[in-house]
Amino acid sequence: MPEVIFNGPEGRLEGRYQHSRTPNAPIALLLHPHPQHGGTMNNKVVYALYQAFVRRGFSALRFNFRGVGRSQGRFDNGLGEMSDAASALDWMQSYNPNAPACWIGGFSFGAWIAMQLMMRRPEISGFISLAPPASNHDFTFLAPCPASGIIVHGGKDEVVPIASGDKLAQKLSSQKNITIDYRVMENSDHFFTGELDTLIGHVDDYLDKALDQAA
């Protein structure tokens, strides 16, 4: 998968981008967990999510937020990272001007950033939110939530209590014209340790249904 460097608000950002062989393919942007807790674009969950979209013929991008790996800048508590994600989407759209759909996915901190980007970019048609940190980040901006998607949470999540995941999913599900597929992996921790295949099985199952309905 080709390494790419593109311009972000605070300098160069480092990414990995797979361009689809299918003309005018949909696009997907995948966001990594917290930079200050070891999160990078090479996180196993993010990489598996990226591959799930590549297998379906999407053009897919994952990248390092500012200050991670070879990306320039420094951690900015989410504000700058949101701008980084917007720049990444801009870059991908410049290569895919006729993409019929745009999906976004994120794990933990990346899920929080992904949901914020979705509020600002109406072209985003679906989302995958894995272990969204609803206990320590504010998600009230999702009013209303602009797109349907899937939320997957570990029943033994030691970082984000399952109750906060339940509450977020319930809140979003109550909104008009929005369908939230909420799945709890009872034996999984926050990092889906030893459960990656099961996690991606849920993602694959959801994407199969969602993309079939959109076709």
C-alpha atoms as a PDB file:
ATOM      1  CA  MET A   1       0.000   0.000   0.000  1.00  0.00           C
ATOM      2  CA  PRO A   2       1.561   3.278  -1.106  1.00  0.00           C
ATOM      3  CA  GLU A   3       2.894   5.708   1.442  1.00  0.00           C
ATOM      4  CA  VAL A   4       1.591   9.230   0.931  1.00  0.00           C
ATOM      5  CA  ILE A   5       2.501  12.636   2.317  1.00  0.00           C
ATOM      6  CA  PHE A   6      -0.019  15.468   2.095  1.00  0.00           C
ATOM      7  CA  ASN A   7      -0.360  18.941   3.536  1.00  0.00           C
ATOM      8  CA  GLY A   8      -2.188  19.454   6.809  1.00  0.00           C
ATOM      9  CA  PRO A   9      -2.880  22.630   8.783  1.00  0.00           C
ATOM     10  CA  GLU A  10       0.384  22.316  10.744  1.00  0.00           C
ATOM     11  CA  GLY A  11       2.632  20.813   8.084  1.00  0.00           C
ATOM     12  CA  ARG A  12       3.012  17.481   6.369  1.00  0.00           C
ATOM     13  CA  LEU A  13       0.869  14.477   7.335  1.00  0.00           C
ATOM     14  CA  GLU A  14       1.926  10.871   6.725  1.00  0.00           C
ATOM     15  CA  GLY A  15      -0.524   8.298   5.462  1.00  0.00           C
ATOM     16  CA  ARG A  16      -1.107   5.013   3.678  1.00  0.00           C
ATOM     17  CA  TYR A  17      -3.483   5.125   0.738  1.00  0.00           C
ATOM     18  CA  GLN A  18      -4.888   2.373  -1.430  1.00  0.00           C
ATOM     19  CA  HIS A  19      -6.482   3.574  -4.644  1.00  0.00           C
ATOM     20  CA  SER A  20      -9.251   1.347  -5.941  1.00  0.00           C
ATOM     21  CA  ARG A  21      -8.891  -0.361  -9.294  1.00  0.00           C
ATOM     22  CA  THR A  22     -12.568   0.356  -9.881  1.00  0.00           C
ATOM     23  CA  PRO A  23     -13.241   3.676 -11.621  1.00  0.00           C
ATOM     24  CA  ASN A  24     -15.181   6.194  -9.521  1.00  0.00           C
ATOM     25  CA  ALA A  25     -15.055   3.988  -6.420  1.00  0.00           C
ATOM     26  CA  PRO A  26     -16.384   5.117  -3.036  1.00  0.00           C
ATOM     27  CA  ILE A  27     -13.872   6.405  -0.488  1.00  0.00           C
ATOM     28  CA  ALA A  28     -13.188   5.655   3.179  1.00  0.00           C
ATOM     29  CA  LEU A  29     -11.114   7.517   5.784  1.00  0.00           C
ATOM     30  CA  LEU A  30      -9.963   5.644   8.905  1.00  0.00           C
ATOM     31  CA  LEU A  31      -8.796   7.398  12.086  1.00  0.00           C
ATOM     32  CA  HIS A  32      -6.496   6.059  14.795  1.00  0.00           C
ATOM     33  CA  PRO A  33      -6.726   6.090  18.611  1.00  0.00           C
ATOM     34  CA  HIS A  34      -5.264   8.607  21.043  1.00  0.00           C
ATOM     35  CA  PRO A  35      -1.827   9.906  19.981  1.00  0.00           C
ATOM     36  CA  GLN A  36      -0.697  10.312  23.588  1.00  0.00           C
ATOM     37  CA  HIS A  37      -1.492   6.700  24.419  1.00  0.00           C
ATOM     38  CA  GLY A  38       0.417   5.094  21.563  1.00  0.00           C
ATOM     39  CA  GLY A  39      -2.219   5.470  18.860  1.00  0.00           C
ATOM     40  CA  THR A  40      -0.961   5.424  15.268  1.00  0.00           C
ATOM     41  CA  MET A  41      -2.301   4.579  11.815  1.00  0.00           C
ATOM     42  CA  ASN A  42      -0.649   1.158  12.217  1.00  0.00           C
ATOM     43  CA  ASN A  43      -2.877   0.234  15.141  1.00  0.00           C
ATOM     44  CA  LYS A  44      -4.176  -3.296  14.509  1.00  0.00           C
ATOM     45  CA  VAL A  45      -7.829  -2.294  14.739  1.00  0.00           C
ATOM     46  CA  VAL A  46      -7.395   0.638  12.346  1.00  0.00           C
ATOM     47  CA  TYR A  47      -5.390  -1.470   9.903  1.00  0.00           C
ATOM     48  CA  ALA A  48      -8.076  -4.183   9.920  1.00  0.00           C
ATOM     49  CA  LEU A  49     -10.783  -1.567   9.368  1.00  0.00           C
ATOM     50  CA  TYR A  50      -8.796  -0.125   6.477  1.00  0.00           C
ATOM     51  CA  GLN A  51      -8.455  -3.571   4.895  1.00  0.00           C
ATOM     52  CA  ALA A  52     -12.188  -4.209   5.267  1.00  0.00           C
ATOM     53  CA  PHE A  53     -12.867  -1.252   2.968  1.00  0.00           C
ATOM     54  CA  VAL A  54     -10.024  -2.069   0.560  1.00  0.00           C
ATOM     55  CA  ARG A  55     -11.480  -5.580   0.113  1.00  0.00           C
ATOM     56  CA  ARG A  56     -14.746  -3.988  -0.973  1.00  0.00           C
ATOM     57  CA  GLY A  57     -13.086  -1.915  -3.672  1.00  0.00           C
ATOM     58  CA  PHE A  58     -13.034   1.382  -1.812  1.00  0.00           C
ATOM     59  CA  SER A  59     -10.203   3.861  -2.142  1.00  0.00           C
ATOM     60  CA  ALA A  60      -9.080   3.984   1.491  1.00  0.00           C
ATOM     61  CA  LEU A  61      -6.778   6.220   3.538  1.00  0.00           C
ATOM     62  CA  ARG A  62      -5.401   5.953   7.036  1.00  0.00           C
ATOM     63  CA  PHE A  63      -2.961   8.544   8.335  1.00  0.00           C
ATOM     64  CA  ASN A  64      -1.069   9.741  11.393  1.00  0.00           C
ATOM     65  CA  PHE A  65      -2.466  12.741  13.229  1.00  0.00           C
ATOM     66  CA  ARG A  66      -0.098  15.675  13.850  1.00  0.00           C
ATOM     67  CA  GLY A  67       2.927  14.785  15.958  1.00  0.00           C
ATOM     68  CA  VAL A  68       2.604  11.035  15.307  1.00  0.00           C
ATOM     69  CA  GLY A  69       5.180   9.158  13.239  1.00  0.00           C
ATOM     70  CA  ARG A  70       6.407  11.439  10.484  1.00  0.00           C
ATOM     71  CA  SER A  71       3.427  13.796  10.673  1.00  0.00           C
ATOM     72  CA  GLN A  72       4.444  17.319  11.659  1.00  0.00           C
ATOM     73  CA  GLY A  73       2.967  19.384  14.467  1.00  0.00           C
ATOM     74  CA  ARG A  74       2.020  18.510  18.012  1.00  0.00           C
ATOM     75  CA  PHE A  75      -1.003  17.069  19.806  1.00  0.00           C
ATOM     76  CA  ASP A  76      -3.880  19.549  20.007  1.00  0.00           C
ATOM     77  CA  ASN A  77      -6.530  17.886  22.232  1.00  0.00           C
ATOM     78  CA  GLY A  78      -8.810  17.054  19.311  1.00  0.00           C
ATOM     79  CA  LEU A  79      -9.244  20.485  17.721  1.00  0.00           C
ATOM     80  CA  GLY A  80      -6.196  20.235  15.497  1.00  0.00           C
ATOM     81  CA  GLU A  81      -6.784  16.551  14.892  1.00  0.00           C
ATOM     82  CA  MET A  82     -10.258  17.377  13.546  1.00  0.00           C
ATOM     83  CA  SER A  83      -8.594  19.789  11.108  1.00  0.00           C
ATOM     84  CA  ASP A  84      -6.082  17.069  10.160  1.00  0.00           C
ATOM     85  CA  ALA A  85      -8.942  14.696   9.357  1.00  0.00           C
ATOM     86  CA  ALA A  86     -10.654  17.361   7.243  1.00  0.00           C
ATOM     87  CA  SER A  87      -7.395  17.890   5.318  1.00  0.00           C
ATOM     88  CA  ALA A  88      -7.097  14.132   4.785  1.00  0.00           C
ATOM     89  CA  LEU A  89     -10.618  13.991   3.390  1.00  0.00           C
ATOM     90  CA  ASP A  90      -9.896  16.977   1.147  1.00  0.00           C
ATOM     91  CA  TRP A  91      -6.775  15.255  -0.163  1.00  0.00           C
ATOM     92  CA  MET A  92      -8.641  12.039  -0.886  1.00  0.00           C
ATOM     93  CA  GLN A  93     -11.487  13.846  -2.606  1.00  0.00           C
ATOM     94  CA  SER A  94      -9.019  15.648  -4.868  1.00  0.00           C
ATOM     95  CA  TYR A  95      -7.990  12.208  -6.192  1.00  0.00           C
ATOM     96  CA  ASN A  96     -11.542  10.876  -6.271  1.00  0.00           C
ATOM     97  CA  PRO A  97     -13.732  13.787  -7.461  1.00  0.00           C
ATOM     98  CA  ASN A  98     -16.482  11.449  -8.665  1.00  0.00           C
ATOM     99  CA  ALA A  99     -16.667   9.148  -5.641  1.00  0.00           C
ATOM    100  CA  PRO A 100     -20.327   8.180  -5.219  1.00  0.00           C
ATOM    101  CA  ALA A 101     -20.067   7.715  -1.445  1.00  0.00           C
ATOM    102  CA  CYS A 102     -17.803   8.579   1.467  1.00  0.00           C
ATOM    103  CA  TRP A 103     -17.466   6.526   4.648  1.00  0.00           C
ATOM    104  CA  ILE A 104     -15.583   7.310   7.815  1.00  0.00           C
ATOM    105  CA  GLY A 105     -14.377   5.034  10.572  1.00  0.00           C
ATOM    106  CA  GLY A 106     -12.485   5.443  13.801  1.00  0.00           C
ATOM    107  CA  PHE A 107     -11.328   3.599  16.881  1.00  0.00           C
ATOM    108  CA  SER A 108     -11.587   5.188  20.347  1.00  0.00           C
ATOM    109  CA  PHE A 109     -10.233   8.772  20.084  1.00  0.00           C
ATOM    110  CA  GLY A 110     -10.394   8.324  16.298  1.00  0.00           C
ATOM    111  CA  ALA A 111     -14.107   7.530  16.588  1.00  0.00           C
ATOM    112  CA  TRP A 112     -14.681  10.813  18.427  1.00  0.00           C
ATOM    113  CA  ILE A 113     -12.839  12.770  15.724  1.00  0.00           C
ATOM    114  CA  ALA A 114     -14.667  10.852  12.986  1.00  0.00           C
ATOM    115  CA  MET A 115     -18.076  11.738  14.409  1.00  0.00           C
ATOM    116  CA  GLN A 116     -17.102  15.425  14.627  1.00  0.00           C
ATOM    117  CA  LEU A 117     -15.942  15.417  11.008  1.00  0.00           C
ATOM    118  CA  MET A 118     -19.214  13.819   9.978  1.00  0.00           C
ATOM    119  CA  MET A 119     -21.117  16.772  11.457  1.00  0.00           C
ATOM    120  CA  ARG A 120     -19.148  19.156   9.239  1.00  0.00           C
ATOM    121  CA  ARG A 121     -19.095  17.175   6.017  1.00  0.00           C
ATOM    122  CA  PRO A 122     -22.541  16.302   4.647  1.00  0.00           C
ATOM    123  CA  GLU A 123     -21.020  14.090   1.945  1.00  0.00           C
ATOM    124  CA  ILE A 124     -20.181  11.443   4.573  1.00  0.00           C
ATOM    125  CA  SER A 125     -22.783   8.741   4.037  1.00  0.00           C
ATOM    126  CA  GLY A 126     -21.968   6.226   6.770  1.00  0.00           C
ATOM    127  CA  PHE A 127     -19.751   5.602   9.780  1.00  0.00           C
ATOM    128  CA  ILE A 128     -18.085   2.858  11.788  1.00  0.00           C
ATOM    129  CA  SER A 129     -17.448   3.835  15.402  1.00  0.00           C
ATOM    130  CA  LEU A 130     -15.401   1.354  17.450  1.00  0.00           C
ATOM    131  CA  ALA A 131     -15.259   1.861  21.229  1.00  0.00           C
ATOM    132  CA  PRO A 132     -16.216   5.559  21.034  1.00  0.00           C
ATOM    133  CA  PRO A 133     -14.928   7.295  24.199  1.00  0.00           C
ATOM    134  CA  ALA A 134     -18.330   8.522  25.325  1.00  0.00           C
ATOM    135  CA  SER A 135     -17.359   8.576  29.008  1.00  0.00           C
ATOM    136  CA  ASN A 136     -14.544  11.112  28.684  1.00  0.00           C
ATOM    137  CA  HIS A 137     -15.409  13.074  25.532  1.00  0.00           C
ATOM    138  CA  ASP A 138     -18.491  15.080  24.717  1.00  0.00           C
ATOM    139  CA  PHE A 139     -20.714  13.613  21.985  1.00  0.00           C
ATOM    140  CA  THR A 140     -23.650  16.021  22.436  1.00  0.00           C
ATOM    141  CA  PHE A 141     -22.729  17.657  19.117  1.00  0.00           C
ATOM    142  CA  LEU A 142     -24.501  14.737  17.401  1.00  0.00           C
ATOM    143  CA  ALA A 143     -27.803  16.565  17.409  1.00  0.00           C
ATOM    144  CA  PRO A 144     -29.007  15.510  15.017  1.00  0.00           C
ATOM    145  CA  CYS A 145     -26.687  12.770  13.868  1.00  0.00           C
ATOM    146  CA  PRO A 146     -26.383  13.230  10.078  1.00  0.00           C
ATOM    147  CA  ALA A 147     -25.829   9.621   8.989  1.00  0.00           C
ATOM    148  CA  SER A 148     -26.486   6.049  10.014  1.00  0.00           C
ATOM    149  CA  GLY A 149     -23.746   3.706  11.133  1.00  0.00           C
ATOM    150  CA  ILE A 150     -22.505   0.997  13.454  1.00  0.00           C
ATOM    151  CA  ILE A 151     -21.141   1.295  16.986  1.00  0.00           C
ATOM    152  CA  VAL A 152     -19.228  -1.651  18.453  1.00  0.00           C
ATOM    153  CA  HIS A 153     -18.296  -1.729  22.128  1.00  0.00           C
ATOM    154  CA  GLY A 154     -16.544  -4.228  24.347  1.00  0.00           C
ATOM    155  CA  GLY A 155     -18.572  -5.580  27.245  1.00  0.00           C
ATOM    156  CA  LYS A 156     -15.421  -5.624  29.382  1.00  0.00           C
ATOM    157  CA  ASP A 157     -14.086  -2.267  28.204  1.00  0.00           C
ATOM    158  CA  GLU A 158     -11.885  -1.018  31.042  1.00  0.00           C
ATOM    159  CA  VAL A 159     -11.284   2.427  29.475  1.00  0.00           C
ATOM    160  CA  VAL A 160     -14.807   3.416  28.409  1.00  0.00           C
ATOM    161  CA  PRO A 161     -17.538   1.840  30.565  1.00  0.00           C
ATOM    162  CA  ILE A 162     -20.116  -0.062  28.570  1.00  0.00           C
ATOM    163  CA  ALA A 163     -22.875   2.053  30.149  1.00  0.00           C
ATOM    164  CA  SER A 164     -21.615   5.138  28.317  1.00  0.00           C
ATOM    165  CA  GLY A 165     -21.631   3.224  25.029  1.00  0.00           C
ATOM    166  CA  ASP A 166     -25.187   2.087  25.723  1.00  0.00           C
ATOM    167  CA  LYS A 167     -26.264   5.660  26.432  1.00  0.00           C
ATOM    168  CA  LEU A 168     -24.691   7.056  23.265  1.00  0.00           C
ATOM    169  CA  ALA A 169     -26.213   4.365  21.057  1.00  0.00           C
ATOM    170  CA  GLN A 170     -29.628   4.845  22.665  1.00  0.00           C
ATOM    171  CA  LYS A 171     -29.477   8.610  22.192  1.00  0.00           C
ATOM    172  CA  LEU A 172     -28.554   8.343  18.517  1.00  0.00           C
ATOM    173  CA  SER A 173     -31.059   5.569  17.831  1.00  0.00           C
ATOM    174  CA  SER A 174     -33.894   7.767  19.085  1.00  0.00           C
ATOM    175  CA  GLN A 175     -33.299  10.320  16.329  1.00  0.00           C
ATOM    176  CA  LYS A 176     -35.488  10.421  13.248  1.00  0.00           C
ATOM    177  CA  ASN A 177     -34.300   8.785  10.035  1.00  0.00           C
ATOM    178  CA  ILE A 178     -31.127   7.458  11.669  1.00  0.00           C
ATOM    179  CA  THR A 179     -30.414   3.760  12.132  1.00  0.00           C
ATOM    180  CA  ILE A 180     -27.697   2.784  14.592  1.00  0.00           C
ATOM    181  CA  ASP A 181     -26.548  -0.820  14.580  1.00  0.00           C
ATOM    182  CA  TYR A 182     -25.203  -1.192  18.122  1.00  0.00           C
ATOM    183  CA  ARG A 183     -23.257  -4.343  18.892  1.00  0.00           C
ATOM    184  CA  VAL A 184     -21.692  -5.335  22.211  1.00  0.00           C
ATOM    185  CA  MET A 185     -18.869  -7.870  22.229  1.00  0.00           C
ATOM    186  CA  GLU A 186     -19.448  -9.258  25.705  1.00  0.00           C
ATOM    187  CA  ASN A 187     -15.949 -10.627  26.352  1.00  0.00           C
ATOM    188  CA  SER A 188     -13.946  -7.881  24.695  1.00  0.00           C
ATOM    189  CA  ASP A 189     -11.814  -5.194  26.322  1.00  0.00           C
ATOM    190  CA  HIS A 190     -11.290  -1.666  24.992  1.00  0.00           C
ATOM    191  CA  PHE A 191      -8.608  -2.786  22.541  1.00  0.00           C
ATOM    192  CA  PHE A 192     -10.536  -5.856  21.301  1.00  0.00           C
ATOM    193  CA  THR A 193      -7.577  -7.963  22.442  1.00  0.00           C
ATOM    194  CA  GLY A 194      -7.791 -11.431  20.942  1.00  0.00           C
ATOM    195  CA  GLU A 195     -11.136 -10.504  19.385  1.00  0.00           C
ATOM    196  CA  LEU A 196     -10.021  -8.761  16.190  1.00  0.00           C
ATOM    197  CA  ASP A 197     -11.450 -11.385  13.844  1.00  0.00           C
ATOM    198  CA  THR A 198     -14.807 -11.240  15.614  1.00  0.00           C
ATOM    199  CA  LEU A 199     -14.775  -7.434  15.504  1.00  0.00           C
ATOM    200  CA  ILE A 200     -14.097  -7.313  11.773  1.00  0.00           C
ATOM    201  CA  GLY A 201     -16.772  -9.972  11.308  1.00  0.00           C
ATOM    202  CA  HIS A 202     -19.270  -7.493  12.776  1.00  0.00           C
ATOM    203  CA  VAL A 203     -17.936  -4.716  10.546  1.00  0.00           C
ATOM    204  CA  ASP A 204     -18.089  -6.923   7.445  1.00  0.00           C
ATOM    205  CA  ASP A 205     -21.626  -8.013   8.254  1.00  0.00           C
ATOM    206  CA  TYR A 206     -22.743  -4.425   8.705  1.00  0.00           C
ATOM    207  CA  LEU A 207     -21.039  -3.166   5.536  1.00  0.00           C
ATOM    208  CA  ASP A 208     -22.516  -5.995   3.479  1.00  0.00           C
ATOM    209  CA  LYS A 209     -26.019  -4.952   4.558  1.00  0.00           C
ATOM    210  CA  ALA A 210     -25.499  -1.186   4.392  1.00  0.00           C
ATOM    211  CA  LEU A 211     -23.814  -1.187   0.993  1.00  0.00           C
ATOM    212  CA  ASP A 212     -26.394  -3.578  -0.411  1.00  0.00           C
ATOM    213  CA  GLN A 213     -29.210  -1.252   0.702  1.00  0.00           C
ATOM    214  CA  ALA A 214     -27.430   1.756  -0.809  1.00  0.00           C
ATOM    215  CA  ALA A 215     -26.883   0.034  -4.155  1.00  0.00           C
END
